[in-house]
Amino acid sequence: MDKTHLPDQDNQDYIADHPYKGVEYIPHMPTRSVEYILAHAETLIGLPVDQVRNYPDIEGMFYDFLRHCEIGNMHAISFTEDGQVLLDSRIKMMILVGFRIGEIVPVYDNGLPSYDKCTYLPQEFKDFAERGIRINPMGAGVRRGAHLGDKSSLMNGAYVNVGGYVGERTMIDTNALVGSCAYVGNDCHISAGVVIGGVLEPVNARPCIVENNVMIGANSLITEGVHLKENVVVAPLVGLTASTAVYDFVTGDIYRSTPENPLVIPTGAVIVPGAIPYIYGSERSTVMDSILLRIVNGTFDPEMEQWPKMLLWRTGAVIKKYRDSSTNAHTALEESLR
């Protein structure tokens, strides 16, 4: 990568005045269209590193890509008018291109040195105040290529990775993570210690989706492409992954992911931790589902039926009810914080 855009490494005045020793972050309006950039994504990801670095217009194209993501023009997740989810893998491709063309440079934040790719230094919050975005004085991280909606809030230790999307009026609380390309909608509260997984690794990872007006309790884990529909409430310490089966005590349904589709939590569900029977062996899926459905509908009699051999219990999640006026009263957001 051409280093002419890097500041003079010996310019101590620049280092003293500028928090990041690397690419200077100057917010700009992108001049290259979303369509133009994404048209090159599949070509770029298949080229050797040296060819990527010498690709025509690569730097201008890439930094316009970051700005489109930051402004909110471009994201790996989009929705059709009828609510269907569209995934665009080219966004992840362009993010990976940034790691290929970037060089590792020193980063100085509050006097503490670290090292990162010059293509993915932290954003400097130059336009956040006018957009009503709050960043806690104790420090939060927003990587280049991440989007924060107007009047959103980040508490100390919160982090939004490249490609992450945080909607308007959403709060990301202390030490919570919004992973690469993860989507968090408007009017959400992501409590302290929550992890919403990203897509950079493993290779086939799907982005997690948190739709509007969702509340996630402290230290919960949402990873591996899990999709929370609107108005979902997740209790503290719930883990939702591609291998989690979620049992609905209201309807008797069992929600799980498939190789083609992620785990989707229905609109308004209130989810709490649970213990789930787990059976080893080739018959485990059908036997387990049969037992659990009968437990849910009250027809399983442990005194009359024999439990399968090698039956264990593992942590899981259950839908105990759907959102109602009582839930809304307990989860109402404080407008003065936004």
Protein backbone atom coordinates (compact mmCIF):
# COMPACT_ATOMS: atom_id res chain seq x y z
CA MET A 1 0.00 0.00 0.00
CA ASP A 2 1.22 3.49 -0.85
CA LYS A 3 2.43 5.08 2.36
CA THR A 4 2.23 8.66 1.11
CA HIS A 5 -1.01 9.03 3.03
CA LEU A 6 0.72 8.15 6.31
CA PRO A 7 1.95 11.02 8.49
CA ASP A 8 5.67 11.60 8.90
CA GLN A 9 6.76 9.06 11.49
CA ASP A 10 9.21 11.63 12.92
CA ASN A 11 6.71 14.48 13.14
CA GLN A 12 6.32 14.66 16.92
CA ASP A 13 4.04 17.70 16.74
CA TYR A 14 1.63 15.70 14.61
CA ILE A 15 1.76 12.76 17.02
CA ALA A 16 1.13 15.05 19.98
CA ASP A 17 -1.88 16.67 18.33
CA HIS A 18 -3.30 13.57 16.71
CA PRO A 19 -4.37 10.54 18.76
CA TYR A 20 -3.63 7.94 16.10
CA LYS A 21 -0.27 7.51 14.42
CA GLY A 22 -1.41 6.07 11.11
CA VAL A 23 -3.93 7.05 8.47
CA GLU A 24 -5.50 10.38 9.32
CA TYR A 25 -9.24 9.93 9.59
CA ILE A 26 -11.02 12.71 7.72
CA PRO A 27 -14.76 12.13 7.29
CA HIS A 28 -15.76 12.76 3.68
CA MET A 29 -18.65 12.09 1.36
CA PRO A 30 -17.78 9.14 -0.87
CA THR A 31 -17.50 9.89 -4.59
CA ARG A 32 -17.69 6.27 -5.78
CA SER A 33 -21.11 4.64 -5.77
CA VAL A 34 -22.06 1.56 -3.77
CA GLU A 35 -22.67 -0.32 -7.01
CA TYR A 36 -19.24 0.61 -8.41
CA ILE A 37 -17.44 -0.61 -5.28
CA LEU A 38 -19.34 -3.86 -4.87
CA ALA A 39 -18.91 -4.69 -8.55
CA HIS A 40 -15.19 -5.13 -7.84
CA ALA A 41 -15.54 -7.08 -4.57
CA GLU A 42 -15.62 -10.63 -5.95
CA THR A 43 -12.71 -9.92 -8.27
CA LEU A 44 -10.59 -8.43 -5.50
CA ILE A 45 -11.14 -11.24 -3.01
CA GLY A 46 -9.87 -13.80 -5.53
CA LEU A 47 -6.61 -12.01 -6.33
CA PRO A 48 -3.21 -12.54 -4.67
CA VAL A 49 -2.28 -9.87 -2.13
CA ASP A 50 0.27 -8.13 -4.37
CA GLN A 51 -2.29 -7.79 -7.16
CA VAL A 52 -4.90 -6.46 -4.74
CA ARG A 53 -2.51 -3.78 -3.53
CA ASN A 54 -1.81 -2.72 -7.13
CA TYR A 55 -5.43 -2.91 -8.29
CA PRO A 56 -6.54 0.30 -10.07
CA ASP A 57 -8.17 2.83 -7.73
CA ILE A 58 -7.95 0.40 -4.80
CA GLU A 59 -7.29 2.95 -2.05
CA GLY A 60 -9.94 5.43 -3.13
CA MET A 61 -12.42 2.62 -3.65
CA PHE A 62 -11.70 1.09 -0.25
CA TYR A 63 -11.90 4.31 1.77
CA ASP A 64 -15.14 5.23 0.02
CA PHE A 65 -16.39 1.76 0.99
CA LEU A 66 -15.63 2.52 4.64
CA ARG A 67 -17.43 5.85 4.46
CA HIS A 68 -20.50 4.30 2.85
CA CYS A 69 -20.60 1.84 5.76
CA GLU A 70 -20.11 4.59 8.35
CA ILE A 71 -22.83 6.77 6.83
CA GLY A 72 -25.19 3.80 6.70
CA ASN A 73 -25.46 3.51 2.91
CA MET A 74 -23.98 0.01 2.86
CA HIS A 75 -24.36 -3.01 5.11
CA ALA A 76 -24.24 -6.79 4.90
CA ILE A 77 -27.87 -6.93 6.08
CA SER A 78 -30.89 -5.40 4.38
CA PHE A 79 -34.63 -6.01 4.59
CA THR A 80 -37.28 -6.23 1.89
CA GLU A 81 -40.61 -4.45 2.25
CA ASP A 82 -42.21 -7.64 3.58
CA GLY A 83 -39.46 -8.12 6.19
CA GLN A 84 -37.35 -10.75 4.44
CA VAL A 85 -33.62 -10.62 5.20
CA LEU A 86 -31.11 -10.15 2.39
CA LEU A 87 -27.44 -10.97 2.98
CA ASP A 88 -24.71 -9.41 0.84
CA SER A 89 -21.48 -11.40 1.12
CA ARG A 90 -19.60 -8.75 -0.87
CA ILE A 91 -19.48 -6.53 2.21
CA LYS A 92 -17.41 -9.13 4.06
CA MET A 93 -15.26 -9.51 0.95
CA MET A 94 -14.45 -5.79 0.94
CA ILE A 95 -13.67 -5.87 4.65
CA LEU A 96 -11.19 -8.69 4.05
CA VAL A 97 -9.67 -6.65 1.20
CA GLY A 98 -8.94 -3.94 3.76
CA PHE A 99 -6.93 -6.39 5.85
CA ARG A 100 -4.97 -7.38 2.75
CA ILE A 101 -4.00 -3.87 1.65
CA GLY A 102 -3.44 -2.45 5.13
CA GLU A 103 -0.10 -2.38 6.90
CA ILE A 104 0.38 -2.60 10.65
CA VAL A 105 1.13 0.78 12.22
CA PRO A 106 1.48 2.04 15.79
CA VAL A 107 -1.72 3.39 17.33
CA TYR A 108 -1.51 5.72 20.33
CA ASP A 109 -4.69 6.07 22.35
CA ASN A 110 -4.43 8.05 25.60
CA GLY A 111 -0.69 7.45 25.52
CA LEU A 112 -1.01 3.67 25.40
CA PRO A 113 0.59 2.06 22.33
CA SER A 114 -0.99 -0.68 20.30
CA TYR A 115 -0.71 -1.91 16.72
CA ASP A 116 -3.36 -2.43 14.08
CA LYS A 117 -3.91 -2.32 10.33
CA CYS A 118 -3.76 1.24 9.03
CA THR A 119 -7.01 0.57 7.16
CA TYR A 120 -8.95 -0.10 10.37
CA LEU A 121 -7.96 2.50 12.91
CA PRO A 122 -10.61 3.76 15.33
CA GLN A 123 -13.08 6.40 14.25
CA GLU A 124 -12.45 9.78 15.85
CA PHE A 125 -16.06 10.83 16.48
CA LYS A 126 -15.67 14.08 14.53
CA ASP A 127 -19.39 14.41 13.72
CA PHE A 128 -20.87 12.52 16.65
CA ALA A 129 -21.84 15.52 18.81
CA GLU A 130 -23.96 17.14 16.10
CA ARG A 131 -25.71 13.81 15.55
CA GLY A 132 -26.49 13.41 19.26
CA ILE A 133 -24.27 10.33 19.69
CA ARG A 134 -22.88 9.79 23.19
CA ILE A 135 -19.53 8.11 23.81
CA ASN A 136 -18.72 7.54 27.48
CA PRO A 137 -15.69 9.58 28.67
CA MET A 138 -14.09 6.42 30.07
CA GLY A 139 -13.68 5.13 26.54
CA ALA A 140 -15.44 3.03 23.91
CA GLY A 141 -14.23 1.79 20.55
CA VAL A 142 -15.78 2.27 17.12
CA ARG A 143 -13.69 0.85 14.33
CA ARG A 144 -13.63 2.38 10.87
CA GLY A 145 -16.42 1.04 8.69
CA ALA A 146 -18.91 0.80 11.58
CA HIS A 147 -22.15 2.77 11.65
CA LEU A 148 -23.71 4.46 14.67
CA GLY A 149 -27.24 5.82 14.29
CA ASP A 150 -28.27 9.26 15.54
CA LYS A 151 -28.75 9.53 19.32
CA SER A 152 -27.15 6.15 19.95
CA SER A 153 -24.98 5.67 23.06
CA LEU A 154 -21.83 3.68 23.85
CA MET A 155 -20.73 3.17 27.45
CA ASN A 156 -17.16 2.56 28.58
CA GLY A 157 -15.60 -0.57 27.17
CA ALA A 158 -18.24 -1.03 24.47
CA TYR A 159 -16.91 -1.89 21.01
CA VAL A 160 -18.41 -1.85 17.52
CA ASN A 161 -16.28 -3.69 14.98
CA VAL A 162 -15.87 -2.95 11.26
CA GLY A 163 -19.11 -3.36 9.34
CA GLY A 164 -21.19 -3.34 12.51
CA TYR A 165 -24.47 -1.42 12.40
CA VAL A 166 -26.07 0.24 15.44
CA GLY A 167 -29.46 1.85 14.92
CA GLU A 168 -30.88 5.12 16.15
CA ARG A 169 -31.41 5.64 19.91
CA THR A 170 -29.83 2.27 20.71
CA MET A 171 -27.59 1.92 23.77
CA ILE A 172 -24.56 -0.40 23.80
CA ASP A 173 -23.75 -0.76 27.49
CA THR A 174 -20.47 -1.36 29.31
CA ASN A 175 -18.12 -3.98 27.79
CA ALA A 176 -20.69 -5.08 25.21
CA LEU A 177 -19.54 -6.09 21.73
CA VAL A 178 -21.22 -5.60 18.36
CA GLY A 179 -19.22 -7.85 16.03
CA SER A 180 -18.20 -7.35 12.41
CA CYS A 181 -21.24 -6.95 10.12
CA ALA A 182 -23.64 -7.57 13.02
CA TYR A 183 -26.89 -5.61 12.80
CA VAL A 184 -28.60 -3.96 15.78
CA GLY A 185 -31.76 -1.99 15.00
CA ASN A 186 -33.36 1.12 16.47
CA ASP A 187 -34.42 1.63 20.11
CA CYS A 188 -32.55 -1.39 21.49
CA HIS A 189 -30.76 -1.82 24.81
CA ILE A 190 -27.74 -4.11 24.69
CA SER A 191 -26.79 -4.62 28.33
CA ALA A 192 -23.37 -4.88 29.93
CA GLY A 193 -21.18 -7.76 28.83
CA VAL A 194 -23.37 -8.86 25.91
CA VAL A 195 -21.64 -10.37 22.87
CA ILE A 196 -23.29 -10.09 19.45
CA GLY A 197 -21.08 -12.14 17.17
CA GLY A 198 -19.43 -11.08 13.92
CA VAL A 199 -18.56 -12.76 10.63
CA LEU A 200 -14.81 -12.48 10.04
CA GLU A 201 -14.11 -15.89 11.54
CA PRO A 202 -14.97 -18.66 10.96
CA VAL A 203 -15.02 -18.31 7.17
CA ASN A 204 -18.68 -19.31 6.71
CA ALA A 205 -20.03 -17.26 9.63
CA ARG A 206 -23.38 -15.48 9.24
CA PRO A 207 -24.01 -12.02 10.69
CA CYS A 208 -26.24 -11.79 13.74
CA ILE A 209 -29.40 -9.69 13.46
CA VAL A 210 -31.13 -7.83 16.28
CA GLU A 211 -34.22 -6.04 15.01
CA ASN A 212 -35.87 -2.92 16.46
CA ASN A 213 -36.94 -2.50 20.09
CA VAL A 214 -35.05 -5.52 21.46
CA MET A 215 -33.66 -5.71 24.98
CA ILE A 216 -30.82 -8.13 25.75
CA GLY A 217 -29.90 -8.78 29.39
CA ALA A 218 -26.42 -8.64 30.85
CA ASN A 219 -23.78 -11.20 29.82
CA SER A 220 -25.94 -12.86 27.21
CA LEU A 221 -24.37 -14.38 24.09
CA ILE A 222 -25.86 -13.98 20.60
CA THR A 223 -23.61 -15.59 17.98
CA GLU A 224 -23.43 -17.70 14.81
CA GLY A 225 -26.06 -15.84 12.83
CA VAL A 226 -28.89 -15.87 15.40
CA HIS A 227 -31.74 -13.55 14.38
CA LEU A 228 -33.85 -11.80 17.02
CA LYS A 229 -37.08 -10.39 15.58
CA GLU A 230 -38.66 -7.13 16.77
CA ASN A 231 -39.61 -6.64 20.43
CA VAL A 232 -37.75 -9.72 21.68
CA VAL A 233 -36.61 -9.65 25.32
CA VAL A 234 -33.61 -11.79 26.29
CA ALA A 235 -33.00 -12.35 30.00
CA PRO A 236 -29.47 -12.11 31.46
CA LEU A 237 -27.07 -15.04 30.95
CA VAL A 238 -28.88 -16.53 27.94
CA GLY A 239 -26.74 -18.16 25.25
CA LEU A 240 -28.13 -18.35 21.71
CA THR A 241 -25.98 -20.00 19.03
CA ALA A 242 -26.48 -22.08 15.90
CA SER A 243 -26.59 -25.23 18.04
CA THR A 244 -29.12 -23.92 20.57
CA ALA A 245 -32.62 -25.35 20.54
CA VAL A 246 -35.22 -22.93 21.91
CA TYR A 247 -38.42 -24.37 23.35
CA ASP A 248 -41.63 -22.36 23.35
CA PHE A 249 -43.79 -23.07 26.40
CA VAL A 250 -46.58 -20.95 24.91
CA THR A 251 -47.02 -22.64 21.54
CA GLY A 252 -45.12 -25.92 21.99
CA ASP A 253 -42.84 -25.14 19.04
CA ILE A 254 -39.13 -25.89 18.96
CA TYR A 255 -36.88 -23.38 17.22
CA ARG A 256 -33.47 -24.40 15.92
CA SER A 257 -31.13 -23.56 13.06
CA THR A 258 -30.64 -25.64 9.91
CA PRO A 259 -27.74 -25.73 7.45
CA GLU A 260 -29.73 -23.35 5.25
CA ASN A 261 -31.32 -21.06 7.84
CA PRO A 262 -30.24 -19.48 11.13
CA LEU A 263 -31.98 -19.74 14.48
CA VAL A 264 -34.78 -17.15 14.37
CA ILE A 265 -36.50 -16.00 17.56
CA PRO A 266 -40.10 -14.89 16.86
CA THR A 267 -41.42 -11.38 17.39
CA GLY A 268 -42.12 -10.43 21.00
CA ALA A 269 -40.67 -13.59 22.57
CA VAL A 270 -39.41 -13.36 26.16
CA ILE A 271 -36.46 -15.76 26.51
CA VAL A 272 -34.95 -17.08 29.73
CA PRO A 273 -32.20 -19.65 30.42
CA GLY A 274 -33.26 -23.27 30.53
CA ALA A 275 -31.98 -26.84 30.83
CA ILE A 276 -32.42 -29.03 27.78
CA PRO A 277 -32.22 -32.84 27.56
CA TYR A 278 -29.50 -34.06 25.23
CA ILE A 279 -29.30 -37.63 23.92
CA TYR A 280 -26.21 -39.18 22.36
CA GLY A 281 -26.66 -41.39 19.34
CA SER A 282 -28.08 -41.30 15.82
CA GLU A 283 -31.68 -41.18 17.08
CA ARG A 284 -31.07 -38.25 19.40
CA SER A 285 -32.89 -35.56 17.41
CA THR A 286 -36.22 -37.33 16.97
CA VAL A 287 -36.23 -38.85 20.46
CA MET A 288 -35.27 -35.58 22.14
CA ASP A 289 -37.88 -33.56 20.24
CA SER A 290 -40.57 -36.11 21.05
CA ILE A 291 -39.77 -36.01 24.77
CA LEU A 292 -39.55 -32.25 24.90
CA LEU A 293 -42.78 -31.66 23.07
CA ARG A 294 -44.55 -33.98 25.50
CA ILE A 295 -42.91 -32.20 28.43
CA VAL A 296 -44.10 -28.87 27.04
CA ASN A 297 -47.70 -30.01 26.47
CA GLY A 298 -47.84 -31.90 29.79
CA THR A 299 -48.26 -35.44 28.43
CA PHE A 300 -44.89 -36.89 29.44
CA ASP A 301 -45.09 -39.10 32.53
CA PRO A 302 -41.59 -39.99 33.84
CA GLU A 303 -43.09 -42.71 36.09
CA MET A 304 -44.76 -44.51 33.18
CA GLU A 305 -42.10 -43.98 30.49
CA GLN A 306 -38.46 -44.98 30.44
CA TRP A 307 -35.93 -42.22 29.93
CA PRO A 308 -33.47 -42.94 27.10
CA LYS A 309 -30.02 -44.19 27.96
CA MET A 310 -27.23 -41.59 27.90
CA LEU A 311 -29.65 -38.73 28.54
CA LEU A 312 -27.83 -35.61 29.72
CA TRP A 313 -28.92 -32.06 30.36
CA ARG A 314 -27.25 -29.01 28.90
CA THR A 315 -27.90 -25.28 29.10
CA GLY A 316 -30.35 -23.88 26.60
CA ALA A 317 -33.15 -21.35 26.35
CA VAL A 318 -36.92 -21.31 26.58
CA ILE A 319 -39.62 -18.84 25.60
CA LYS A 320 -41.66 -18.43 28.75
CA LYS A 321 -44.17 -15.94 27.33
CA TYR A 322 -44.64 -13.22 24.75
CA ARG A 323 -44.27 -9.53 25.35
CA ASP A 324 -47.24 -7.89 27.11
CA SER A 325 -48.00 -4.68 29.00
CA SER A 326 -46.14 -5.96 32.06
CA THR A 327 -43.04 -6.70 29.97
CA ASN A 328 -43.24 -3.29 28.31
CA ALA A 329 -43.37 -1.60 31.71
CA HIS A 330 -40.23 -3.45 32.86
CA THR A 331 -38.27 -2.82 29.66
CA ALA A 332 -39.25 0.77 28.80
CA LEU A 333 -36.30 2.87 27.67
CA GLU A 334 -35.39 6.16 29.35
CA GLU A 335 -35.79 8.86 26.72
CA SER A 336 -33.62 11.33 28.64
CA LEU A 337 -30.62 9.04 28.04
CA ARG A 338 -31.01 9.49 24.27
